[in-house]
Amino acid sequence: MNGVQVILVTLVGGGSLLYFVALRTKLWDRLLVLALALSGTWLILRPNHATSLAHFLGVGRGVDLIIYLALVSLGFVVLLLFSEIRDLESRLVRLSRASAMIQAAAALRAPSQAEEKETHEAAHSA
């Protein structure tokens, strides 16, 4: 194993460990990350396999295949994050509306503090 392979395997392993320890995700997501980490480690340790797979799929070099796959994967990640942001925005709007309705209902039920103070002062001055 040469120097860059040690660095890359360490980065893949560290990133995977951080993912599994710090993030609470669904089983499907964990299995996908595990599969990607294992396949990434395999391709780092055996770059000739990436080249063989690239030739089999009609791509010139293994690194080109990996870049193509990374770009497609990045596109899916962007779409998933966009979808999650839209979902969070929708949930925030619903929560804000519910909070506004609760505050409005509470304001209608209870007399304002100013009215209470005026009533209290009028009762004591008379």
Protein backbone atom coordinates (compact mmCIF):
# COMPACT_ATOMS: atom_id res chain seq x y z
CA MET A 1 0.00 0.00 0.00
CA ASN A 2 1.42 3.37 -0.97
CA GLY A 3 1.05 6.69 0.85
CA VAL A 4 -2.02 8.01 -0.97
CA GLN A 5 -3.85 4.73 -0.45
CA VAL A 6 -3.23 4.96 3.31
CA ILE A 7 -4.58 8.51 3.34
CA LEU A 8 -7.65 7.64 1.24
CA VAL A 9 -8.51 4.50 3.21
CA THR A 10 -8.13 6.47 6.45
CA LEU A 11 -10.44 9.20 5.13
CA VAL A 12 -13.07 6.68 3.99
CA GLY A 13 -12.86 4.81 7.29
CA GLY A 14 -12.96 7.98 9.38
CA GLY A 15 -15.88 9.41 7.43
CA SER A 16 -17.80 6.16 7.72
CA LEU A 17 -17.10 5.93 11.45
CA LEU A 18 -18.22 9.52 11.95
CA TYR A 19 -21.40 8.79 9.99
CA PHE A 20 -22.26 5.70 12.03
CA VAL A 21 -21.42 7.27 15.41
CA ALA A 22 -22.80 10.80 14.98
CA LEU A 23 -25.83 10.39 12.74
CA ARG A 24 -29.00 8.49 13.51
CA THR A 25 -30.29 7.28 10.21
CA LYS A 26 -32.49 4.58 8.75
CA LEU A 27 -31.18 1.07 8.27
CA TRP A 28 -31.32 1.46 4.48
CA ASP A 29 -29.10 4.56 4.65
CA ARG A 30 -26.60 2.78 6.90
CA LEU A 31 -26.42 -0.20 4.57
CA LEU A 32 -25.88 2.10 1.60
CA VAL A 33 -23.06 3.96 3.37
CA LEU A 34 -21.48 0.68 4.41
CA ALA A 35 -21.63 -0.63 0.84
CA LEU A 36 -20.15 2.59 -0.55
CA ALA A 37 -17.38 2.61 2.05
CA LEU A 38 -16.47 -1.01 1.37
CA SER A 39 -16.54 -0.60 -2.40
CA GLY A 40 -14.59 2.66 -2.16
CA THR A 41 -11.96 1.00 0.02
CA TRP A 42 -11.75 -1.93 -2.40
CA LEU A 43 -11.25 0.39 -5.38
CA ILE A 44 -8.62 2.37 -3.48
CA LEU A 45 -6.69 -0.77 -2.62
CA ARG A 46 -7.18 -2.39 -6.05
CA PRO A 47 -7.19 0.44 -8.65
CA ASN A 48 -6.70 -2.07 -11.47
CA HIS A 49 -10.19 -3.42 -10.71
CA ALA A 50 -11.65 0.04 -11.31
CA THR A 51 -9.88 0.13 -14.68
CA SER A 52 -11.14 -3.35 -15.58
CA LEU A 53 -14.69 -2.38 -14.63
CA ALA A 54 -14.37 0.84 -16.62
CA HIS A 55 -13.21 -1.06 -19.72
CA PHE A 56 -16.09 -3.52 -19.28
CA LEU A 57 -18.56 -0.61 -19.17
CA GLY A 58 -16.94 1.16 -22.11
CA VAL A 59 -15.15 3.92 -20.23
CA GLY A 60 -11.47 4.58 -20.92
CA ARG A 61 -10.01 4.74 -17.42
CA GLY A 62 -11.06 3.68 -13.94
CA VAL A 63 -10.70 7.18 -12.59
CA ASP A 64 -13.08 8.48 -15.28
CA LEU A 65 -15.68 5.90 -14.25
CA ILE A 66 -15.34 6.90 -10.61
CA ILE A 67 -15.71 10.60 -11.50
CA TYR A 68 -18.84 9.87 -13.56
CA LEU A 69 -20.35 7.85 -10.73
CA ALA A 70 -19.44 10.55 -8.22
CA LEU A 71 -21.12 13.25 -10.32
CA VAL A 72 -24.31 11.24 -10.69
CA SER A 73 -24.29 10.47 -6.95
CA LEU A 74 -23.74 14.13 -6.15
CA GLY A 75 -26.76 15.00 -8.29
CA PHE A 76 -28.92 12.57 -6.31
CA VAL A 77 -27.62 13.97 -3.02
CA VAL A 78 -28.51 17.51 -4.13
CA LEU A 79 -32.04 16.38 -5.06
CA LEU A 80 -32.47 14.59 -1.73
CA LEU A 81 -31.28 17.63 0.22
CA PHE A 82 -33.56 19.92 -1.79
CA SER A 83 -36.48 17.62 -1.04
CA GLU A 84 -35.61 17.60 2.66
CA ILE A 85 -35.36 21.40 2.76
CA ARG A 86 -38.80 21.73 1.14
CA ASP A 87 -40.25 19.29 3.66
CA LEU A 88 -38.71 21.22 6.57
CA GLU A 89 -40.04 24.50 5.18
CA SER A 90 -43.52 23.02 4.93
CA ARG A 91 -43.35 21.73 8.50
CA LEU A 92 -42.13 25.12 9.73
CA VAL A 93 -45.02 26.90 8.01
CA ARG A 94 -47.54 24.51 9.59
CA LEU A 95 -45.92 24.97 13.02
CA SER A 96 -45.93 28.77 12.66
CA ARG A 97 -49.59 28.77 11.67
CA ALA A 98 -50.54 26.55 14.60
CA SER A 99 -48.59 28.78 17.00
CA ALA A 100 -50.29 31.89 15.62
CA MET A 101 -53.71 30.29 16.03
CA ILE A 102 -52.95 29.31 19.63
CA GLN A 103 -51.71 32.83 20.45
CA ALA A 104 -54.75 34.42 18.81
CA ALA A 105 -57.13 32.14 20.72
CA ALA A 106 -55.37 32.92 24.00
CA ALA A 107 -55.60 36.67 23.31
CA LEU A 108 -59.35 36.42 22.68
CA ARG A 109 -59.99 34.39 25.84
CA ALA A 110 -58.09 36.53 28.31
CA PRO A 111 -58.72 40.25 28.70
CA SER A 112 -55.71 42.39 28.09
CA GLN A 113 -53.56 43.48 31.00
CA ALA A 114 -54.35 47.11 30.31
CA GLU A 115 -58.09 46.50 30.68
CA GLU A 116 -57.53 44.62 33.94
CA LYS A 117 -55.40 47.47 35.30
CA GLU A 118 -58.03 50.10 34.38
CA THR A 119 -60.79 48.04 36.00
CA HIS A 120 -58.69 47.53 39.13
CA GLU A 121 -57.83 51.27 39.40
CA ALA A 122 -61.45 52.29 38.83
CA ALA A 123 -62.62 49.99 41.60
CA HIS A 124 -60.12 51.41 44.10
CA SER A 125 -60.63 55.07 43.26
CA ALA A 126 -64.39 54.96 43.69
